[in-house]
Amino acid sequence: MPTITFTRPHSLDPSCARETAESIARRFEERFEVSWRWEGDALHLTADRGKARGTSGSVVVRERFIDVTLHLPLHLRPLRSLVVAELSRRLERVLGPVPSY
């Protein structure tokens, strides 16, 4: 199962970064029937049905970074590069430009 992992810097305060991650999860819930839950600073995503069935992952919200890990099932492997590009665009839109620390 291919895994997508990347770390994205942000300049949001921790509560705002958490709210941003949750808003993305809500959108995935509506569009792709993904369920999600918080465990500490990690938002865990699972798709048991729908278009994204078999996908799982997490978004870990840190003080200056967001770590994203997604595990794609066999039927979504050909779309890996599209998934990465879409996630990057969405994170750019909601987090703003990459800060220079």
PDB file of N, CA and C in Angstrom:
ATOM      1  N   MET A   1       0.855  -1.178   0.000  1.00  0.00           N
ATOM      2  CA  MET A   1       0.000   0.000   0.000  1.00  0.00           C
ATOM      3  C   MET A   1       0.895   1.233   0.000  1.00  0.00           C
ATOM      4  N   PRO A   2       0.833   2.059  -1.051  1.00  0.00           N
ATOM      5  CA  PRO A   2       1.666   3.261  -1.067  1.00  0.00           C
ATOM      6  C   PRO A   2       1.276   4.231   0.051  1.00  0.00           C
ATOM      7  N   THR A   3       2.282   4.814   0.610  1.00  0.00           N
ATOM      8  CA  THR A   3       2.059   5.778   1.669  1.00  0.00           C
ATOM      9  C   THR A   3       2.559   7.137   1.217  1.00  0.00           C
ATOM     10  N   ILE A   4       1.755   8.143   1.456  1.00  0.00           N
ATOM     11  CA  ILE A   4       2.123   9.521   1.174  1.00  0.00           C
ATOM     12  C   ILE A   4       2.464  10.161   2.511  1.00  0.00           C
ATOM     13  N   THR A   5       3.639  10.754   2.611  1.00  0.00           N
ATOM     14  CA  THR A   5       4.005  11.463   3.835  1.00  0.00           C
ATOM     15  C   THR A   5       4.669  12.779   3.464  1.00  0.00           C
ATOM     16  N   PHE A   6       4.302  13.800   4.170  1.00  0.00           N
ATOM     17  CA  PHE A   6       5.026  15.057   4.039  1.00  0.00           C
ATOM     18  C   PHE A   6       4.767  15.930   5.244  1.00  0.00           C
ATOM     19  N   THR A   7       5.662  16.869   5.440  1.00  0.00           N
ATOM     20  CA  THR A   7       5.570  17.827   6.535  1.00  0.00           C
ATOM     21  C   THR A   7       5.430  19.203   5.912  1.00  0.00           C
ATOM     22  N   ARG A   8       4.487  19.966   6.424  1.00  0.00           N
ATOM     23  CA  ARG A   8       4.211  21.302   5.879  1.00  0.00           C
ATOM     24  C   ARG A   8       4.347  22.321   7.010  1.00  0.00           C
ATOM     25  N   PRO A   9       5.270  23.280   6.894  1.00  0.00           N
ATOM     26  CA  PRO A   9       5.379  24.323   7.911  1.00  0.00           C
ATOM     27  C   PRO A   9       4.140  25.222   7.891  1.00  0.00           C
ATOM     28  N   HIS A  10       3.836  25.823   9.028  1.00  0.00           N
ATOM     29  CA  HIS A  10       2.749  26.804   9.105  1.00  0.00           C
ATOM     30  C   HIS A  10       3.109  27.852  10.142  1.00  0.00           C
ATOM     31  N   SER A  11       2.393  28.971  10.108  1.00  0.00           N
ATOM     32  CA  SER A  11       2.646  30.032  11.085  1.00  0.00           C
ATOM     33  C   SER A  11       1.400  30.322  11.923  1.00  0.00           C
ATOM     34  N   LEU A  12       0.482  29.360  11.984  1.00  0.00           N
ATOM     35  CA  LEU A  12      -0.752  29.529  12.757  1.00  0.00           C
ATOM     36  C   LEU A  12      -0.509  29.202  14.223  1.00  0.00           C
ATOM     37  N   ASP A  13      -1.341  29.793  15.088  1.00  0.00           N
ATOM     38  CA  ASP A  13      -1.249  29.370  16.482  1.00  0.00           C
ATOM     39  C   ASP A  13      -1.837  27.959  16.564  1.00  0.00           C
ATOM     40  N   PRO A  14      -1.472  27.186  17.599  1.00  0.00           N
ATOM     41  CA  PRO A  14      -1.873  25.781  17.662  1.00  0.00           C
ATOM     42  C   PRO A  14      -3.390  25.542  17.553  1.00  0.00           C
ATOM     43  N   SER A  15      -4.193  26.367  18.197  1.00  0.00           N
ATOM     44  CA  SER A  15      -5.641  26.138  18.127  1.00  0.00           C
ATOM     45  C   SER A  15      -6.177  26.407  16.722  1.00  0.00           C
ATOM     46  N   CYS A  16      -5.643  27.393  16.051  1.00  0.00           N
ATOM     47  CA  CYS A  16      -6.057  27.698  14.680  1.00  0.00           C
ATOM     48  C   CYS A  16      -5.603  26.591  13.720  1.00  0.00           C
ATOM     49  N   ALA A  17      -4.413  26.073  13.919  1.00  0.00           N
ATOM     50  CA  ALA A  17      -3.915  24.982  13.085  1.00  0.00           C
ATOM     51  C   ALA A  17      -4.796  23.743  13.276  1.00  0.00           C
ATOM     52  N   ARG A  18      -5.220  23.507  14.493  1.00  0.00           N
ATOM     53  CA  ARG A  18      -6.102  22.372  14.793  1.00  0.00           C
ATOM     54  C   ARG A  18      -7.462  22.557  14.121  1.00  0.00           C
ATOM     55  N   GLU A  19      -8.012  23.766  14.213  1.00  0.00           N
ATOM     56  CA  GLU A  19      -9.294  24.062  13.563  1.00  0.00           C
ATOM     57  C   GLU A  19      -9.186  23.891  12.046  1.00  0.00           C
ATOM     58  N   THR A  20      -8.061  24.283  11.479  1.00  0.00           N
ATOM     59  CA  THR A  20      -7.838  24.138  10.041  1.00  0.00           C
ATOM     60  C   THR A  20      -7.810  22.666   9.644  1.00  0.00           C
ATOM     61  N   ALA A  21      -7.086  21.850  10.404  1.00  0.00           N
ATOM     62  CA  ALA A  21      -7.040  20.414  10.120  1.00  0.00           C
ATOM     63  C   ALA A  21      -8.434  19.806  10.222  1.00  0.00           C
ATOM     64  N   GLU A  22      -9.193  20.232  11.215  1.00  0.00           N
ATOM     65  CA  GLU A  22     -10.551  19.713  11.396  1.00  0.00           C
ATOM     66  C   GLU A  22     -11.472  20.143  10.247  1.00  0.00           C
ATOM     67  N   SER A  23     -11.307  21.353   9.747  1.00  0.00           N
ATOM     68  CA  SER A  23     -12.148  21.800   8.630  1.00  0.00           C
ATOM     69  C   SER A  23     -11.857  20.987   7.374  1.00  0.00           C
ATOM     70  N   ILE A  24     -10.605  20.629   7.155  1.00  0.00           N
ATOM     71  CA  ILE A  24     -10.253  19.767   6.023  1.00  0.00           C
ATOM     72  C   ILE A  24     -10.876  18.389   6.215  1.00  0.00           C
ATOM     73  N   ALA A  25     -10.808  17.863   7.437  1.00  0.00           N
ATOM     74  CA  ALA A  25     -11.396  16.546   7.722  1.00  0.00           C
ATOM     75  C   ALA A  25     -12.907  16.562   7.493  1.00  0.00           C
ATOM     76  N   ARG A  26     -13.574  17.632   7.880  1.00  0.00           N
ATOM     77  CA  ARG A  26     -15.024  17.733   7.648  1.00  0.00           C
ATOM     78  C   ARG A  26     -15.347  17.701   6.160  1.00  0.00           C
ATOM     79  N   ARG A  27     -14.536  18.387   5.384  1.00  0.00           N
ATOM     80  CA  ARG A  27     -14.762  18.394   3.932  1.00  0.00           C
ATOM     81  C   ARG A  27     -14.551  16.997   3.347  1.00  0.00           C
ATOM     82  N   PHE A  28     -13.509  16.296   3.798  1.00  0.00           N
ATOM     83  CA  PHE A  28     -13.288  14.921   3.346  1.00  0.00           C
ATOM     84  C   PHE A  28     -14.448  14.025   3.773  1.00  0.00           C
ATOM     85  N   GLU A  29     -14.974  14.287   4.967  1.00  0.00           N
ATOM     86  CA  GLU A  29     -16.108  13.503   5.456  1.00  0.00           C
ATOM     87  C   GLU A  29     -17.302  13.652   4.508  1.00  0.00           C
ATOM     88  N   GLU A  30     -17.572  14.878   4.089  1.00  0.00           N
ATOM     89  CA  GLU A  30     -18.694  15.137   3.189  1.00  0.00           C
ATOM     90  C   GLU A  30     -18.457  14.586   1.786  1.00  0.00           C
ATOM     91  N   ARG A  31     -17.273  14.818   1.256  1.00  0.00           N
ATOM     92  CA  ARG A  31     -16.979  14.436  -0.139  1.00  0.00           C
ATOM     93  C   ARG A  31     -16.677  12.965  -0.333  1.00  0.00           C
ATOM     94  N   PHE A  32     -15.961  12.365   0.623  1.00  0.00           N
ATOM     95  CA  PHE A  32     -15.443  11.013   0.415  1.00  0.00           C
ATOM     96  C   PHE A  32     -15.886   9.999   1.461  1.00  0.00           C
ATOM     97  N   GLU A  33     -16.841  10.363   2.308  1.00  0.00           N
ATOM     98  CA  GLU A  33     -17.335   9.462   3.355  1.00  0.00           C
ATOM     99  C   GLU A  33     -16.217   8.983   4.281  1.00  0.00           C
ATOM    100  N   VAL A  34     -15.357   9.905   4.641  1.00  0.00           N
ATOM    101  CA  VAL A  34     -14.238   9.619   5.538  1.00  0.00           C
ATOM    102  C   VAL A  34     -14.669   9.909   6.972  1.00  0.00           C
ATOM    103  N   SER A  35     -14.371   9.006   7.873  1.00  0.00           N
ATOM    104  CA  SER A  35     -14.621   9.286   9.288  1.00  0.00           C
ATOM    105  C   SER A  35     -13.303   9.753   9.914  1.00  0.00           C
ATOM    106  N   TRP A  36     -13.404  10.526  10.970  1.00  0.00           N
ATOM    107  CA  TRP A  36     -12.200  11.065  11.593  1.00  0.00           C
ATOM    108  C   TRP A  36     -12.418  11.232  13.085  1.00  0.00           C
ATOM    109  N   ARG A  37     -11.299  11.292  13.811  1.00  0.00           N
ATOM    110  CA  ARG A  37     -11.334  11.479  15.263  1.00  0.00           C
ATOM    111  C   ARG A  37      -9.983  12.040  15.709  1.00  0.00           C
ATOM    112  N   TRP A  38     -10.020  12.780  16.799  1.00  0.00           N
ATOM    113  CA  TRP A  38      -8.795  13.311  17.391  1.00  0.00           C
ATOM    114  C   TRP A  38      -8.278  12.342  18.443  1.00  0.00           C
ATOM    115  N   GLU A  39      -6.970  12.165  18.486  1.00  0.00           N
ATOM    116  CA  GLU A  39      -6.272  11.477  19.578  1.00  0.00           C
ATOM    117  C   GLU A  39      -5.083  12.358  19.909  1.00  0.00           C
ATOM    118  N   GLY A  40      -5.225  13.163  20.937  1.00  0.00           N
ATOM    119  CA  GLY A  40      -4.171  14.127  21.262  1.00  0.00           C
ATOM    120  C   GLY A  40      -4.062  15.158  20.156  1.00  0.00           C
ATOM    121  N   ASP A  41      -2.865  15.319  19.613  1.00  0.00           N
ATOM    122  CA  ASP A  41      -2.632  16.272  18.523  1.00  0.00           C
ATOM    123  C   ASP A  41      -2.736  15.622  17.147  1.00  0.00           C
ATOM    124  N   ALA A  42      -3.189  14.375  17.099  1.00  0.00           N
ATOM    125  CA  ALA A  42      -3.292  13.656  15.824  1.00  0.00           C
ATOM    126  C   ALA A  42      -4.753  13.473  15.434  1.00  0.00           C
ATOM    127  N   LEU A  43      -5.057  13.869  14.224  1.00  0.00           N
ATOM    128  CA  LEU A  43      -6.387  13.670  13.657  1.00  0.00           C
ATOM    129  C   LEU A  43      -6.275  12.441  12.748  1.00  0.00           C
ATOM    130  N   HIS A  44      -7.017  11.390  13.068  1.00  0.00           N
ATOM    131  CA  HIS A  44      -6.963  10.138  12.318  1.00  0.00           C
ATOM    132  C   HIS A  44      -8.152  10.055  11.370  1.00  0.00           C
ATOM    133  N   LEU A  45      -7.859   9.664  10.132  1.00  0.00           N
ATOM    134  CA  LEU A  45      -8.868   9.557   9.079  1.00  0.00           C
ATOM    135  C   LEU A  45      -8.971   8.108   8.609  1.00  0.00           C
ATOM    136  N   THR A  46     -10.208   7.665   8.345  1.00  0.00           N
ATOM    137  CA  THR A  46     -10.437   6.319   7.829  1.00  0.00           C
ATOM    138  C   THR A  46     -11.623   6.351   6.883  1.00  0.00           C
ATOM    139  N   ALA A  47     -11.480   5.689   5.747  1.00  0.00           N
ATOM    140  CA  ALA A  47     -12.583   5.570   4.791  1.00  0.00           C
ATOM    141  C   ALA A  47     -12.952   4.091   4.676  1.00  0.00           C
ATOM    142  N   ASP A  48     -14.084   3.731   5.243  1.00  0.00           N
ATOM    143  CA  ASP A  48     -14.549   2.348   5.201  1.00  0.00           C
ATOM    144  C   ASP A  48     -15.495   2.091   4.038  1.00  0.00           C
ATOM    145  N   ARG A  49     -15.919   3.169   3.354  1.00  0.00           N
ATOM    146  CA  ARG A  49     -16.838   3.027   2.228  1.00  0.00           C
ATOM    147  C   ARG A  49     -16.642   4.214   1.282  1.00  0.00           C
ATOM    148  N   GLY A  50     -17.349   4.241   0.207  1.00  0.00           N
ATOM    149  CA  GLY A  50     -17.278   5.362  -0.726  1.00  0.00           C
ATOM    150  C   GLY A  50     -16.070   5.307  -1.643  1.00  0.00           C
ATOM    151  N   LYS A  51     -15.842   6.415  -2.346  1.00  0.00           N
ATOM    152  CA  LYS A  51     -14.760   6.503  -3.340  1.00  0.00           C
ATOM    153  C   LYS A  51     -13.384   6.241  -2.744  1.00  0.00           C
ATOM    154  N   ALA A  52     -13.183   6.663  -1.515  1.00  0.00           N
ATOM    155  CA  ALA A  52     -11.862   6.549  -0.885  1.00  0.00           C
ATOM    156  C   ALA A  52     -11.721   5.285  -0.033  1.00  0.00           C
ATOM    157  N   ARG A  53     -12.652   4.343  -0.164  1.00  0.00           N
ATOM    158  CA  ARG A  53     -12.667   3.127   0.663  1.00  0.00           C
ATOM    159  C   ARG A  53     -11.267   2.511   0.757  1.00  0.00           C
ATOM    160  N   GLY A  54     -10.847   2.206   1.965  1.00  0.00           N
ATOM    161  CA  GLY A  54      -9.544   1.606   2.207  1.00  0.00           C
ATOM    162  C   GLY A  54      -8.449   2.598   2.521  1.00  0.00           C
ATOM    163  N   THR A  55      -8.739   3.880   2.381  1.00  0.00           N
ATOM    164  CA  THR A  55      -7.752   4.909   2.689  1.00  0.00           C
ATOM    165  C   THR A  55      -7.744   5.180   4.187  1.00  0.00           C
ATOM    166  N   SER A  56      -6.568   5.392   4.726  1.00  0.00           N
ATOM    167  CA  SER A  56      -6.446   5.784   6.130  1.00  0.00           C
ATOM    168  C   SER A  56      -5.265   6.727   6.249  1.00  0.00           C
ATOM    169  N   GLY A  57      -5.211   7.427   7.360  1.00  0.00           N
ATOM    170  CA  GLY A  57      -4.087   8.331   7.550  1.00  0.00           C
ATOM    171  C   GLY A  57      -4.234   9.180   8.781  1.00  0.00           C
ATOM    172  N   SER A  58      -3.317  10.125   8.904  1.00  0.00           N
ATOM    173  CA  SER A  58      -3.355  11.027  10.055  1.00  0.00           C
ATOM    174  C   SER A  58      -2.758  12.371   9.681  1.00  0.00           C
ATOM    175  N   VAL A  59      -3.192  13.358  10.432  1.00  0.00           N
ATOM    176  CA  VAL A  59      -2.639  14.705  10.349  1.00  0.00           C
ATOM    177  C   VAL A  59      -2.236  15.066  11.772  1.00  0.00           C
ATOM    178  N   VAL A  60      -0.945  15.247  11.979  1.00  0.00           N
ATOM    179  CA  VAL A  60      -0.450  15.588  13.308  1.00  0.00           C
ATOM    180  C   VAL A  60      -0.135  17.078  13.310  1.00  0.00           C
ATOM    181  N   VAL A  61      -0.781  17.784  14.224  1.00  0.00           N
ATOM    182  CA  VAL A  61      -0.611  19.236  14.313  1.00  0.00           C
ATOM    183  C   VAL A  61       0.456  19.542  15.357  1.00  0.00           C
ATOM    184  N   ARG A  62       1.535  20.120  14.882  1.00  0.00           N
ATOM    185  CA  ARG A  62       2.630  20.530  15.771  1.00  0.00           C
ATOM    186  C   ARG A  62       2.674  22.064  15.802  1.00  0.00           C
ATOM    187  N   GLU A  63       3.506  22.607  16.664  1.00  0.00           N
ATOM    188  CA  GLU A  63       3.545  24.060  16.840  1.00  0.00           C
ATOM    189  C   GLU A  63       3.855  24.812  15.546  1.00  0.00           C
ATOM    190  N   ARG A  64       4.784  24.324  14.755  1.00  0.00           N
ATOM    191  CA  ARG A  64       5.164  25.014  13.518  1.00  0.00           C
ATOM    192  C   ARG A  64       5.009  24.159  12.258  1.00  0.00           C
ATOM    193  N   PHE A  65       4.561  22.918  12.433  1.00  0.00           N
ATOM    194  CA  PHE A  65       4.456  22.002  11.306  1.00  0.00           C
ATOM    195  C   PHE A  65       3.187  21.174  11.374  1.00  0.00           C
ATOM    196  N   ILE A  66       2.740  20.730  10.224  1.00  0.00           N
ATOM    197  CA  ILE A  66       1.672  19.746  10.138  1.00  0.00           C
ATOM    198  C   ILE A  66       2.263  18.557   9.400  1.00  0.00           C
ATOM    199  N   ASP A  67       2.197  17.381  10.013  1.00  0.00           N
ATOM    200  CA  ASP A  67       2.690  16.150   9.403  1.00  0.00           C
ATOM    201  C   ASP A  67       1.498  15.375   8.858  1.00  0.00           C
ATOM    202  N   VAL A  68       1.542  15.038   7.585  1.00  0.00           N
ATOM    203  CA  VAL A  68       0.457  14.317   6.929  1.00  0.00           C
ATOM    204  C   VAL A  68       0.959  12.944   6.504  1.00  0.00           C
ATOM    205  N   THR A  69       0.180  11.911   6.818  1.00  0.00           N
ATOM    206  CA  THR A  69       0.462  10.553   6.373  1.00  0.00           C
ATOM    207  C   THR A  69      -0.828   9.960   5.830  1.00  0.00           C
ATOM    208  N   LEU A  70      -0.803   9.473   4.605  1.00  0.00           N
ATOM    209  CA  LEU A  70      -1.962   8.824   3.991  1.00  0.00           C
ATOM    210  C   LEU A  70      -1.546   7.482   3.423  1.00  0.00           C
ATOM    211  N   HIS A  71      -2.348   6.459   3.696  1.00  0.00           N
ATOM    212  CA  HIS A  71      -2.131   5.129   3.150  1.00  0.00           C
ATOM    213  C   HIS A  71      -3.209   4.896   2.090  1.00  0.00           C
ATOM    214  N   LEU A  72      -2.781   4.724   0.848  1.00  0.00           N
ATOM    215  CA  LEU A  72      -3.723   4.547  -0.257  1.00  0.00           C
ATOM    216  C   LEU A  72      -3.923   3.071  -0.574  1.00  0.00           C
ATOM    217  N   PRO A  73      -5.161   2.643  -0.784  1.00  0.00           N
ATOM    218  CA  PRO A  73      -5.428   1.261  -1.179  1.00  0.00           C
ATOM    219  C   PRO A  73      -5.076   1.044  -2.651  1.00  0.00           C
ATOM    220  N   LEU A  74      -5.097  -0.185  -3.063  1.00  0.00           N
ATOM    221  CA  LEU A  74      -4.716  -0.571  -4.418  1.00  0.00           C
ATOM    222  C   LEU A  74      -5.454   0.220  -5.500  1.00  0.00           C
ATOM    223  N   HIS A  75      -6.762   0.402  -5.348  1.00  0.00           N
ATOM    224  CA  HIS A  75      -7.531   1.060  -6.409  1.00  0.00           C
ATOM    225  C   HIS A  75      -7.226   2.555  -6.540  1.00  0.00           C
ATOM    226  N   LEU A  76      -6.559   3.146  -5.550  1.00  0.00           N
ATOM    227  CA  LEU A  76      -6.205   4.564  -5.633  1.00  0.00           C
ATOM    228  C   LEU A  76      -4.727   4.805  -5.952  1.00  0.00           C
ATOM    229  N   ARG A  77      -3.944   3.749  -6.054  1.00  0.00           N
ATOM    230  CA  ARG A  77      -2.509   3.898  -6.349  1.00  0.00           C
ATOM    231  C   ARG A  77      -2.237   4.711  -7.612  1.00  0.00           C
ATOM    232  N   PRO A  78      -2.991   4.502  -8.697  1.00  0.00           N
ATOM    233  CA  PRO A  78      -2.710   5.291  -9.901  1.00  0.00           C
ATOM    234  C   PRO A  78      -2.946   6.796  -9.721  1.00  0.00           C
ATOM    235  N   LEU A  79      -3.686   7.169  -8.682  1.00  0.00           N
ATOM    236  CA  LEU A  79      -4.006   8.578  -8.451  1.00  0.00           C
ATOM    237  C   LEU A  79      -3.079   9.236  -7.428  1.00  0.00           C
ATOM    238  N   ARG A  80      -2.033   8.535  -7.022  1.00  0.00           N
ATOM    239  CA  ARG A  80      -1.153   9.033  -5.960  1.00  0.00           C
ATOM    240  C   ARG A  80      -0.653  10.447  -6.239  1.00  0.00           C
ATOM    241  N   SER A  81      -0.133  10.703  -7.430  1.00  0.00           N
ATOM    242  CA  SER A  81       0.417  12.033  -7.725  1.00  0.00           C
ATOM    243  C   SER A  81      -0.674  13.103  -7.705  1.00  0.00           C
ATOM    244  N   LEU A  82      -1.878  12.755  -8.131  1.00  0.00           N
ATOM    245  CA  LEU A  82      -2.991  13.710  -8.074  1.00  0.00           C
ATOM    246  C   LEU A  82      -3.391  14.009  -6.630  1.00  0.00           C
ATOM    247  N   VAL A  83      -3.387  12.991  -5.787  1.00  0.00           N
ATOM    248  CA  VAL A  83      -3.714  13.175  -4.370  1.00  0.00           C
ATOM    249  C   VAL A  83      -2.698  14.098  -3.709  1.00  0.00           C
ATOM    250  N   VAL A  84      -1.420  13.872  -3.978  1.00  0.00           N
ATOM    251  CA  VAL A  84      -0.360  14.718  -3.405  1.00  0.00           C
ATOM    252  C   VAL A  84      -0.534  16.160  -3.866  1.00  0.00           C
ATOM    253  N   ALA A  85      -0.769  16.351  -5.156  1.00  0.00           N
ATOM    254  CA  ALA A  85      -0.934  17.709  -5.692  1.00  0.00           C
ATOM    255  C   ALA A  85      -2.142  18.401  -5.073  1.00  0.00           C
ATOM    256  N   GLU A  86      -3.251  17.692  -4.947  1.00  0.00           N
ATOM    257  CA  GLU A  86      -4.464  18.283  -4.370  1.00  0.00           C
ATOM    258  C   GLU A  86      -4.264  18.633  -2.894  1.00  0.00           C
ATOM    259  N   LEU A  87      -3.639  17.738  -2.142  1.00  0.00           N
ATOM    260  CA  LEU A  87      -3.359  18.034  -0.734  1.00  0.00           C
ATOM    261  C   LEU A  87      -2.454  19.251  -0.596  1.00  0.00           C
ATOM    262  N   SER A  88      -1.437  19.327  -1.428  1.00  0.00           N
ATOM    263  CA  SER A  88      -0.524  20.471  -1.383  1.00  0.00           C
ATOM    264  C   SER A  88      -1.267  21.774  -1.680  1.00  0.00           C
ATOM    265  N   ARG A  89      -2.128  21.754  -2.688  1.00  0.00           N
ATOM    266  CA  ARG A  89      -2.905  22.958  -3.028  1.00  0.00           C
ATOM    267  C   ARG A  89      -3.841  23.360  -1.891  1.00  0.00           C
ATOM    268  N   ARG A  90      -4.524  22.377  -1.317  1.00  0.00           N
ATOM    269  CA  ARG A  90      -5.449  22.688  -0.220  1.00  0.00           C
ATOM    270  C   ARG A  90      -4.708  23.256   0.992  1.00  0.00           C
ATOM    271  N   LEU A  91      -3.596  22.636   1.338  1.00  0.00           N
ATOM    272  CA  LEU A  91      -2.834  23.135   2.480  1.00  0.00           C
ATOM    273  C   LEU A  91      -2.298  24.531   2.216  1.00  0.00           C
ATOM    274  N   GLU A  92      -1.860  24.795   0.995  1.00  0.00           N
ATOM    275  CA  GLU A  92      -1.398  26.143   0.634  1.00  0.00           C
ATOM    276  C   GLU A  92      -2.520  27.154   0.808  1.00  0.00           C
ATOM    277  N   ARG A  93      -3.723  26.756   0.373  1.00  0.00           N
ATOM    278  CA  ARG A  93      -4.880  27.652   0.455  1.00  0.00           C
ATOM    279  C   ARG A  93      -5.287  27.943   1.902  1.00  0.00           C
ATOM    280  N   VAL A  94      -5.332  26.909   2.741  1.00  0.00           N
ATOM    281  CA  VAL A  94      -5.806  27.126   4.114  1.00  0.00           C
ATOM    282  C   VAL A  94      -4.723  27.566   5.084  1.00  0.00           C
ATOM    283  N   LEU A  95      -3.477  27.222   4.800  1.00  0.00           N
ATOM    284  CA  LEU A  95      -2.382  27.599   5.703  1.00  0.00           C
ATOM    285  C   LEU A  95      -1.632  28.837   5.232  1.00  0.00           C
ATOM    286  N   GLY A  96      -1.834  29.220   3.987  1.00  0.00           N
ATOM    287  CA  GLY A  96      -1.096  30.343   3.441  1.00  0.00           C
ATOM    288  C   GLY A  96       0.249  29.901   2.927  1.00  0.00           C
ATOM    289  N   PRO A  97       1.052  30.849   2.469  1.00  0.00           N
ATOM    290  CA  PRO A  97       2.368  30.491   1.941  1.00  0.00           C
ATOM    291  C   PRO A  97       3.255  29.877   3.019  1.00  0.00           C
ATOM    292  N   VAL A  98       4.216  29.103   2.579  1.00  0.00           N
ATOM    293  CA  VAL A  98       5.148  28.471   3.509  1.00  0.00           C
ATOM    294  C   VAL A  98       5.944  29.562   4.210  1.00  0.00           C
ATOM    295  N   PRO A  99       5.903  29.594   5.561  1.00  0.00           N
ATOM    296  CA  PRO A  99       6.649  30.635   6.281  1.00  0.00           C
ATOM    297  C   PRO A  99       8.151  30.374   6.216  1.00  0.00           C
ATOM    298  N   SER A 100       8.915  31.426   6.284  1.00  0.00           N
ATOM    299  CA  SER A 100      10.368  31.279   6.361  1.00  0.00           C
ATOM    300  C   SER A 100      10.780  31.612   7.794  1.00  0.00           C
ATOM    301  N   TYR A 101      11.217  30.608   8.488  1.00  0.00           N
ATOM    302  CA  TYR A 101      11.601  30.798   9.898  1.00  0.00           C
ATOM    303  C   TYR A 101      13.045  31.180  10.019  1.00  0.00           C
TER     304      TYR A 101
END
